[in-house]
Amino acid sequence: MLTKDESMKNLLLVCLLAATPFATSSWAADKSAPVAPAAAGVSGEVLEVKDVEMYSYLRLKTKDGEIWAAVSKAPIKVGAKVTIENSTTMTNFESKTLKKTFPKILFGSLGGTGQALAGAPAAVAKVVDTSPIKVAKASGANARTVAEVITKATELKDKPVRVSGKVVKYNGGIMGKNWIHLRDGTGQEADGTNDVLVTTAAEAKVGAVVTVTGVVRTNKDFGSGYSYKVLIEDAKL
């Protein structure tokens, strides 16, 4: 998880997720964040290194010009040849420790180490489960389907709900939370009513069927363009 000094402006992710911001639904949000899709490995010569508590910021000379990248702190020397893997591009990223805003920076893992940059939205594996889904509605008080949470969000705002669903996407350790996308077979892909975002301190695996209990929030704005029409916040699994 990013330290306080290294957190983004008022934020996240992110988002990311491709935890990411919404336009109309939790799933649609993943398409409008200022986070570019994961890129193939980027290789280059290290021209400059700036180490902070947990991370190494690298200015690289690549075949496409100079670019900054951030990886988990490592003993990297100027002149070294490195490859940044599993990366995503962030724009206008502010490092408070360095007192510097990067117009464009890659977040990823150092090739060959397998060490992802924990907590950075760009480094989170965006795994999506697209297999057919049919999960029975949760039982007990406040039980709702995924579609009900989305379509009745105004009515359910700031109220507790209990929802069962399959984890189709998981982003861990962003802003001190884990970000889960749940689907239960209800709702429609076309209007985004088939998927709901859940934030939780609990861990989950893509493909697992879970029941979450949390509070419905609407029009949640985390800053820097990360806003969500509907989500279930601080849920327990």
C-alpha atoms as a PDB file:
ATOM      1  CA  MET A   1       0.000   0.000   0.000  1.00  0.00           C
ATOM      2  CA  LEU A   2       1.224   3.462  -0.781  1.00  0.00           C
ATOM      3  CA  THR A   3       2.531   5.381   2.215  1.00  0.00           C
ATOM      4  CA  LYS A   4       0.866   8.611   3.175  1.00  0.00           C
ATOM      5  CA  ASP A   5       3.678  10.619   1.603  1.00  0.00           C
ATOM      6  CA  GLU A   6       3.402   8.635  -1.597  1.00  0.00           C
ATOM      7  CA  SER A   7      -0.398   8.603  -1.993  1.00  0.00           C
ATOM      8  CA  MET A   8      -1.936  10.218  -5.051  1.00  0.00           C
ATOM      9  CA  LYS A   9      -3.738  13.553  -4.923  1.00  0.00           C
ATOM     10  CA  ASN A  10      -6.772  12.985  -2.707  1.00  0.00           C
ATOM     11  CA  LEU A  11      -6.868   9.404  -3.922  1.00  0.00           C
ATOM     12  CA  LEU A  12      -6.534   6.285  -5.023  1.00  0.00           C
ATOM     13  CA  LEU A  13      -7.446   3.986  -7.636  1.00  0.00           C
ATOM     14  CA  VAL A  14      -7.927   3.113  -8.653  1.00  0.00           C
ATOM     15  CA  CYS A  15      -9.393   2.482 -10.016  1.00  0.00           C
ATOM     16  CA  LEU A  16      -8.272   0.582 -10.541  1.00  0.00           C
ATOM     17  CA  LEU A  17      -8.195  -0.943 -11.293  1.00  0.00           C
ATOM     18  CA  ALA A  18      -8.220  -1.064 -13.680  1.00  0.00           C
ATOM     19  CA  ALA A  19      -9.897  -0.150 -10.587  1.00  0.00           C
ATOM     20  CA  THR A  20     -11.246   2.909 -12.122  1.00  0.00           C
ATOM     21  CA  PRO A  21     -13.865   5.653 -12.275  1.00  0.00           C
ATOM     22  CA  PHE A  22     -17.447   5.346 -13.278  1.00  0.00           C
ATOM     23  CA  ALA A  23     -19.542   7.115 -15.759  1.00  0.00           C
ATOM     24  CA  THR A  24     -22.717   5.105 -15.322  1.00  0.00           C
ATOM     25  CA  SER A  25     -21.863   1.918 -13.460  1.00  0.00           C
ATOM     26  CA  SER A  26     -19.126   0.198 -11.519  1.00  0.00           C
ATOM     27  CA  TRP A  27     -18.025  -1.817 -14.530  1.00  0.00           C
ATOM     28  CA  ALA A  28     -18.181   1.107 -16.938  1.00  0.00           C
ATOM     29  CA  ALA A  29     -15.892   3.065 -14.645  1.00  0.00           C
ATOM     30  CA  ASP A  30     -12.949   0.932 -15.683  1.00  0.00           C
ATOM     31  CA  LYS A  31     -13.034   2.556 -19.093  1.00  0.00           C
ATOM     32  CA  SER A  32     -12.695   6.197 -18.117  1.00  0.00           C
ATOM     33  CA  ALA A  33      -9.822   6.407 -15.636  1.00  0.00           C
ATOM     34  CA  PRO A  34      -6.626   8.367 -16.308  1.00  0.00           C
ATOM     35  CA  VAL A  35      -4.863   5.021 -16.182  1.00  0.00           C
ATOM     36  CA  ALA A  36      -3.776   3.562 -19.500  1.00  0.00           C
ATOM     37  CA  PRO A  37      -4.140  -0.173 -20.175  1.00  0.00           C
ATOM     38  CA  ALA A  38      -1.265  -2.353 -19.066  1.00  0.00           C
ATOM     39  CA  ALA A  39       1.613  -2.070 -21.488  1.00  0.00           C
ATOM     40  CA  ALA A  40       4.083  -4.656 -22.740  1.00  0.00           C
ATOM     41  CA  GLY A  41       7.511  -4.596 -21.139  1.00  0.00           C
ATOM     42  CA  VAL A  42       9.319  -1.283 -21.544  1.00  0.00           C
ATOM     43  CA  SER A  43      13.115  -1.509 -21.682  1.00  0.00           C
ATOM     44  CA  GLY A  44      15.679   1.220 -21.376  1.00  0.00           C
ATOM     45  CA  GLU A  45      18.861   2.565 -19.835  1.00  0.00           C
ATOM     46  CA  VAL A  46      18.638   4.121 -16.390  1.00  0.00           C
ATOM     47  CA  LEU A  47      19.612   7.797 -16.581  1.00  0.00           C
ATOM     48  CA  GLU A  48      18.562   8.824 -13.065  1.00  0.00           C
ATOM     49  CA  VAL A  49      17.425   7.112  -9.850  1.00  0.00           C
ATOM     50  CA  LYS A  50      15.415   8.668  -7.031  1.00  0.00           C
ATOM     51  CA  ASP A  51      14.862   6.337  -4.066  1.00  0.00           C
ATOM     52  CA  VAL A  52      12.191   6.985  -1.442  1.00  0.00           C
ATOM     53  CA  GLU A  53      11.077   4.851   1.493  1.00  0.00           C
ATOM     54  CA  MET A  54       9.496   2.028  -0.501  1.00  0.00           C
ATOM     55  CA  TYR A  55      10.013   2.843  -4.158  1.00  0.00           C
ATOM     56  CA  SER A  56      12.641   3.589  -6.768  1.00  0.00           C
ATOM     57  CA  TYR A  57      11.781   6.206  -9.371  1.00  0.00           C
ATOM     58  CA  LEU A  58      13.742   5.685 -12.582  1.00  0.00           C
ATOM     59  CA  ARG A  59      14.284   8.028 -15.502  1.00  0.00           C
ATOM     60  CA  LEU A  60      14.770   5.765 -18.495  1.00  0.00           C
ATOM     61  CA  LYS A  61      16.117   6.263 -21.984  1.00  0.00           C
ATOM     62  CA  THR A  62      14.013   4.042 -24.258  1.00  0.00           C
ATOM     63  CA  LYS A  63      13.718   3.639 -28.004  1.00  0.00           C
ATOM     64  CA  ASP A  64      10.723   5.991 -27.850  1.00  0.00           C
ATOM     65  CA  GLY A  65      12.449   8.648 -25.758  1.00  0.00           C
ATOM     66  CA  GLU A  66      12.793   9.351 -22.041  1.00  0.00           C
ATOM     67  CA  ILE A  67      10.172   8.255 -19.541  1.00  0.00           C
ATOM     68  CA  TRP A  68       9.866   7.908 -15.756  1.00  0.00           C
ATOM     69  CA  ALA A  69       8.950   4.629 -14.107  1.00  0.00           C
ATOM     70  CA  ALA A  70       8.386   3.507 -10.509  1.00  0.00           C
ATOM     71  CA  VAL A  71       9.090   0.055  -9.071  1.00  0.00           C
ATOM     72  CA  SER A  72       9.493  -1.467  -5.620  1.00  0.00           C
ATOM     73  CA  LYS A  73      12.698  -0.133  -4.073  1.00  0.00           C
ATOM     74  CA  ALA A  74      15.714  -1.887  -5.535  1.00  0.00           C
ATOM     75  CA  PRO A  75      19.502  -1.306  -5.753  1.00  0.00           C
ATOM     76  CA  ILE A  76      19.486   0.060  -9.308  1.00  0.00           C
ATOM     77  CA  LYS A  77      22.448   1.988 -10.645  1.00  0.00           C
ATOM     78  CA  VAL A  78      22.627   4.702 -13.303  1.00  0.00           C
ATOM     79  CA  GLY A  79      23.624   3.059 -16.577  1.00  0.00           C
ATOM     80  CA  ALA A  80      21.845  -0.206 -15.855  1.00  0.00           C
ATOM     81  CA  LYS A  81      19.608  -1.747 -18.518  1.00  0.00           C
ATOM     82  CA  VAL A  82      16.185  -2.595 -17.081  1.00  0.00           C
ATOM     83  CA  THR A  83      12.760  -3.724 -18.225  1.00  0.00           C
ATOM     84  CA  ILE A  84       9.533  -2.569 -16.579  1.00  0.00           C
ATOM     85  CA  GLU A  85       6.892  -5.295 -16.774  1.00  0.00           C
ATOM     86  CA  ASN A  86       3.139  -5.461 -16.047  1.00  0.00           C
ATOM     87  CA  SER A  87       3.061  -1.689 -16.268  1.00  0.00           C
ATOM     88  CA  THR A  88       0.335   0.892 -16.625  1.00  0.00           C
ATOM     89  CA  THR A  89       0.754   4.576 -17.366  1.00  0.00           C
ATOM     90  CA  MET A  90      -0.454   7.203 -14.884  1.00  0.00           C
ATOM     91  CA  THR A  91      -0.791  10.842 -15.860  1.00  0.00           C
ATOM     92  CA  ASN A  92      -0.221  13.854 -13.594  1.00  0.00           C
ATOM     93  CA  PHE A  93       0.953  11.677 -10.708  1.00  0.00           C
ATOM     94  CA  GLU A  94       2.164  13.686  -7.714  1.00  0.00           C
ATOM     95  CA  SER A  95       4.877  12.407  -5.375  1.00  0.00           C
ATOM     96  CA  LYS A  96       4.724  14.495  -2.229  1.00  0.00           C
ATOM     97  CA  THR A  97       8.029  13.056  -1.011  1.00  0.00           C
ATOM     98  CA  LEU A  98       9.848  14.112  -4.151  1.00  0.00           C
ATOM     99  CA  LYS A  99       7.787  17.308  -4.434  1.00  0.00           C
ATOM    100  CA  LYS A 100       7.352  16.478  -8.083  1.00  0.00           C
ATOM    101  CA  THR A 101       4.437  15.870 -10.421  1.00  0.00           C
ATOM    102  CA  PHE A 102       5.092  13.448 -13.245  1.00  0.00           C
ATOM    103  CA  PRO A 103       3.105  14.297 -16.378  1.00  0.00           C
ATOM    104  CA  LYS A 104       3.493  10.636 -17.346  1.00  0.00           C
ATOM    105  CA  ILE A 105       4.919   7.737 -15.347  1.00  0.00           C
ATOM    106  CA  LEU A 106       4.864   3.938 -15.569  1.00  0.00           C
ATOM    107  CA  PHE A 107       4.059   1.878 -12.486  1.00  0.00           C
ATOM    108  CA  GLY A 108       5.065  -1.742 -12.683  1.00  0.00           C
ATOM    109  CA  SER A 109       7.521  -4.446 -11.677  1.00  0.00           C
ATOM    110  CA  LEU A 110      11.199  -4.724 -12.414  1.00  0.00           C
ATOM    111  CA  GLY A 111      11.728  -7.376 -15.053  1.00  0.00           C
ATOM    112  CA  GLY A 112      13.009 -10.664 -13.671  1.00  0.00           C
ATOM    113  CA  THR A 113      12.185  -9.869 -10.031  1.00  0.00           C
ATOM    114  CA  GLY A 114       8.476 -10.642  -9.964  1.00  0.00           C
ATOM    115  CA  GLN A 115       8.102  -7.817  -7.456  1.00  0.00           C
ATOM    116  CA  ALA A 116       5.014  -5.771  -8.207  1.00  0.00           C
ATOM    117  CA  LEU A 117       4.709  -2.269  -6.810  1.00  0.00           C
ATOM    118  CA  ALA A 118       2.309  -2.945  -3.947  1.00  0.00           C
ATOM    119  CA  GLY A 119      -0.556  -0.501  -3.689  1.00  0.00           C
ATOM    120  CA  ALA A 120       0.130   1.314  -6.947  1.00  0.00           C
ATOM    121  CA  PRO A 121      -2.947   1.169  -9.150  1.00  0.00           C
ATOM    122  CA  ALA A 122      -0.819   0.581 -12.205  1.00  0.00           C
ATOM    123  CA  ALA A 123       0.792  -2.506 -10.750  1.00  0.00           C
ATOM    124  CA  VAL A 124      -2.346  -4.314  -9.665  1.00  0.00           C
ATOM    125  CA  ALA A 125      -3.191  -7.366 -11.717  1.00  0.00           C
ATOM    126  CA  LYS A 126      -6.556  -6.772 -13.319  1.00  0.00           C
ATOM    127  CA  VAL A 127      -7.922 -10.306 -13.513  1.00  0.00           C
ATOM    128  CA  VAL A 128     -11.395 -10.706 -14.948  1.00  0.00           C
ATOM    129  CA  ASP A 129     -13.598 -13.808 -14.808  1.00  0.00           C
ATOM    130  CA  THR A 130     -15.961 -13.949 -17.785  1.00  0.00           C
ATOM    131  CA  SER A 131     -17.402 -17.442 -17.271  1.00  0.00           C
ATOM    132  CA  PRO A 132     -21.210 -17.884 -17.037  1.00  0.00           C
ATOM    133  CA  ILE A 133     -22.576 -16.816 -13.655  1.00  0.00           C
ATOM    134  CA  LYS A 134     -25.652 -17.793 -11.678  1.00  0.00           C
ATOM    135  CA  VAL A 135     -25.498 -17.210  -7.934  1.00  0.00           C
ATOM    136  CA  ALA A 136     -28.502 -17.529  -5.624  1.00  0.00           C
ATOM    137  CA  LYS A 137     -29.674 -14.378  -3.890  1.00  0.00           C
ATOM    138  CA  ALA A 138     -28.343 -13.911  -0.378  1.00  0.00           C
ATOM    139  CA  SER A 139     -30.647 -14.785   2.489  1.00  0.00           C
ATOM    140  CA  GLY A 140     -31.519 -12.800   5.582  1.00  0.00           C
ATOM    141  CA  ALA A 141     -32.178  -9.149   6.312  1.00  0.00           C
ATOM    142  CA  ASN A 142     -31.277  -6.575   3.659  1.00  0.00           C
ATOM    143  CA  ALA A 143     -30.600  -9.268   1.042  1.00  0.00           C
ATOM    144  CA  ARG A 144     -30.339  -7.844  -2.482  1.00  0.00           C
ATOM    145  CA  THR A 145     -29.203  -8.964  -5.898  1.00  0.00           C
ATOM    146  CA  VAL A 146     -26.485  -7.124  -7.779  1.00  0.00           C
ATOM    147  CA  ALA A 147     -29.059  -5.657 -10.163  1.00  0.00           C
ATOM    148  CA  GLU A 148     -31.194  -4.440  -7.277  1.00  0.00           C
ATOM    149  CA  VAL A 149     -28.270  -2.595  -5.713  1.00  0.00           C
ATOM    150  CA  ILE A 150     -27.552  -0.810  -8.998  1.00  0.00           C
ATOM    151  CA  THR A 151     -31.124  -0.062 -10.084  1.00  0.00           C
ATOM    152  CA  LYS A 152     -32.380   0.860  -6.613  1.00  0.00           C
ATOM    153  CA  ALA A 153     -29.284   2.786  -5.569  1.00  0.00           C
ATOM    154  CA  THR A 154     -31.189   5.970  -4.748  1.00  0.00           C
ATOM    155  CA  GLU A 155     -33.534   4.066  -2.447  1.00  0.00           C
ATOM    156  CA  LEU A 156     -30.702   2.079  -0.875  1.00  0.00           C
ATOM    157  CA  LYS A 157     -28.283   4.987  -0.427  1.00  0.00           C
ATOM    158  CA  ASP A 158     -26.465   4.807   2.941  1.00  0.00           C
ATOM    159  CA  LYS A 159     -28.345   1.624   3.859  1.00  0.00           C
ATOM    160  CA  PRO A 160     -26.866  -1.798   4.618  1.00  0.00           C
ATOM    161  CA  VAL A 161     -27.218  -4.573   2.065  1.00  0.00           C
ATOM    162  CA  ARG A 162     -26.264  -8.211   1.874  1.00  0.00           C
ATOM    163  CA  VAL A 163     -25.260  -9.498  -1.551  1.00  0.00           C
ATOM    164  CA  SER A 164     -24.004 -12.845  -2.816  1.00  0.00           C
ATOM    165  CA  GLY A 165     -22.000 -13.001  -6.021  1.00  0.00           C
ATOM    166  CA  LYS A 166     -18.999 -14.311  -7.880  1.00  0.00           C
ATOM    167  CA  VAL A 167     -15.761 -12.346  -7.742  1.00  0.00           C
ATOM    168  CA  VAL A 168     -15.000 -11.459 -11.372  1.00  0.00           C
ATOM    169  CA  LYS A 169     -12.276  -8.921 -10.650  1.00  0.00           C
ATOM    170  CA  TYR A 170      -9.993  -8.159  -7.706  1.00  0.00           C
ATOM    171  CA  ASN A 171      -7.577  -5.289  -7.019  1.00  0.00           C
ATOM    172  CA  GLY A 172      -5.829  -5.489  -3.666  1.00  0.00           C
ATOM    173  CA  GLY A 173      -4.193  -2.938  -1.404  1.00  0.00           C
ATOM    174  CA  ILE A 174      -5.337   0.307  -2.988  1.00  0.00           C
ATOM    175  CA  MET A 175      -5.941   3.162  -0.547  1.00  0.00           C
ATOM    176  CA  GLY A 176      -5.856   0.647   2.274  1.00  0.00           C
ATOM    177  CA  LYS A 177      -8.696  -1.380   0.799  1.00  0.00           C
ATOM    178  CA  ASN A 178      -9.323  -4.284  -1.535  1.00  0.00           C
ATOM    179  CA  TRP A 179     -11.586  -3.623  -4.527  1.00  0.00           C
ATOM    180  CA  ILE A 180     -13.877  -6.403  -5.728  1.00  0.00           C
ATOM    181  CA  HIS A 181     -16.311  -6.617  -8.638  1.00  0.00           C
ATOM    182  CA  LEU A 182     -19.235  -8.959  -7.979  1.00  0.00           C
ATOM    183  CA  ARG A 183     -21.727 -10.483 -10.405  1.00  0.00           C
ATOM    184  CA  ASP A 184     -24.577 -12.870  -9.648  1.00  0.00           C
ATOM    185  CA  GLY A 185     -26.182 -13.325 -13.065  1.00  0.00           C
ATOM    186  CA  THR A 186     -28.757 -10.579 -12.604  1.00  0.00           C
ATOM    187  CA  GLY A 187     -28.827  -7.336 -14.557  1.00  0.00           C
ATOM    188  CA  GLN A 188     -27.563  -6.523 -18.034  1.00  0.00           C
ATOM    189  CA  GLU A 189     -24.069  -6.003 -19.411  1.00  0.00           C
ATOM    190  CA  ALA A 190     -25.359  -3.267 -21.730  1.00  0.00           C
ATOM    191  CA  ASP A 191     -26.366  -0.890 -18.928  1.00  0.00           C
ATOM    192  CA  GLY A 192     -23.908  -2.043 -16.269  1.00  0.00           C
ATOM    193  CA  THR A 193     -26.568  -3.375 -13.908  1.00  0.00           C
ATOM    194  CA  ASN A 194     -24.894  -6.803 -13.795  1.00  0.00           C
ATOM    195  CA  ASP A 195     -21.792  -5.740 -11.844  1.00  0.00           C
ATOM    196  CA  VAL A 196     -21.240  -3.994  -8.516  1.00  0.00           C
ATOM    197  CA  LEU A 197     -18.038  -2.681  -6.970  1.00  0.00           C
ATOM    198  CA  VAL A 198     -17.283  -3.591  -3.353  1.00  0.00           C
ATOM    199  CA  THR A 199     -14.548  -2.186  -1.110  1.00  0.00           C
ATOM    200  CA  THR A 200     -13.415  -4.320   1.808  1.00  0.00           C
ATOM    201  CA  ALA A 201     -10.516  -5.097   4.117  1.00  0.00           C
ATOM    202  CA  ALA A 202     -11.017  -8.796   3.425  1.00  0.00           C
ATOM    203  CA  GLU A 203      -9.212 -10.687   0.685  1.00  0.00           C
ATOM    204  CA  ALA A 204     -10.890 -12.685  -2.054  1.00  0.00           C
ATOM    205  CA  LYS A 205      -9.927 -14.644  -5.140  1.00  0.00           C
ATOM    206  CA  VAL A 206     -11.271 -14.249  -8.639  1.00  0.00           C
ATOM    207  CA  GLY A 207     -13.821 -17.015  -9.234  1.00  0.00           C
ATOM    208  CA  ALA A 208     -14.836 -17.337  -5.572  1.00  0.00           C
ATOM    209  CA  VAL A 209     -18.500 -17.028  -4.600  1.00  0.00           C
ATOM    210  CA  VAL A 210     -18.860 -14.761  -1.580  1.00  0.00           C
ATOM    211  CA  THR A 211     -21.507 -12.982   0.420  1.00  0.00           C
ATOM    212  CA  VAL A 212     -20.763  -9.395   1.389  1.00  0.00           C
ATOM    213  CA  THR A 213     -22.448  -7.106   3.891  1.00  0.00           C
ATOM    214  CA  GLY A 214     -21.808  -3.406   3.507  1.00  0.00           C
ATOM    215  CA  VAL A 215     -23.339   0.013   2.961  1.00  0.00           C
ATOM    216  CA  VAL A 216     -24.499   1.330  -0.407  1.00  0.00           C
ATOM    217  CA  ARG A 217     -22.880   4.602  -1.422  1.00  0.00           C
ATOM    218  CA  THR A 218     -23.798   6.709  -4.422  1.00  0.00           C
ATOM    219  CA  ASN A 219     -21.878   9.360  -6.350  1.00  0.00           C
ATOM    220  CA  LYS A 220     -18.735   8.618  -4.359  1.00  0.00           C
ATOM    221  CA  ASP A 221     -15.850  10.863  -5.409  1.00  0.00           C
ATOM    222  CA  PHE A 222     -12.299   9.875  -4.435  1.00  0.00           C
ATOM    223  CA  GLY A 223     -10.787  12.846  -6.285  1.00  0.00           C
ATOM    224  CA  SER A 224      -8.584  13.077  -9.371  1.00  0.00           C
ATOM    225  CA  GLY A 225     -11.484  12.013 -11.576  1.00  0.00           C
ATOM    226  CA  TYR A 226     -12.224   8.794  -9.680  1.00  0.00           C
ATOM    227  CA  SER A 227     -15.957   8.845  -9.050  1.00  0.00           C
ATOM    228  CA  TYR A 228     -18.424   6.016  -8.706  1.00  0.00           C
ATOM    229  CA  LYS A 229     -22.160   6.065  -9.297  1.00  0.00           C
ATOM    230  CA  VAL A 230     -22.774   3.077  -7.043  1.00  0.00           C
ATOM    231  CA  LEU A 231     -20.664   0.891  -4.768  1.00  0.00           C
ATOM    232  CA  ILE A 232     -20.889  -1.150  -1.596  1.00  0.00           C
ATOM    233  CA  GLU A 233     -18.404   0.302   0.872  1.00  0.00           C
ATOM    234  CA  ASP A 234     -16.414  -1.191   3.783  1.00  0.00           C
ATOM    235  CA  ALA A 235     -18.017  -4.599   3.319  1.00  0.00           C
ATOM    236  CA  LYS A 236     -17.439  -7.707   5.384  1.00  0.00           C
ATOM    237  CA  LEU A 237     -17.166 -11.096   3.671  1.00  0.00           C
END
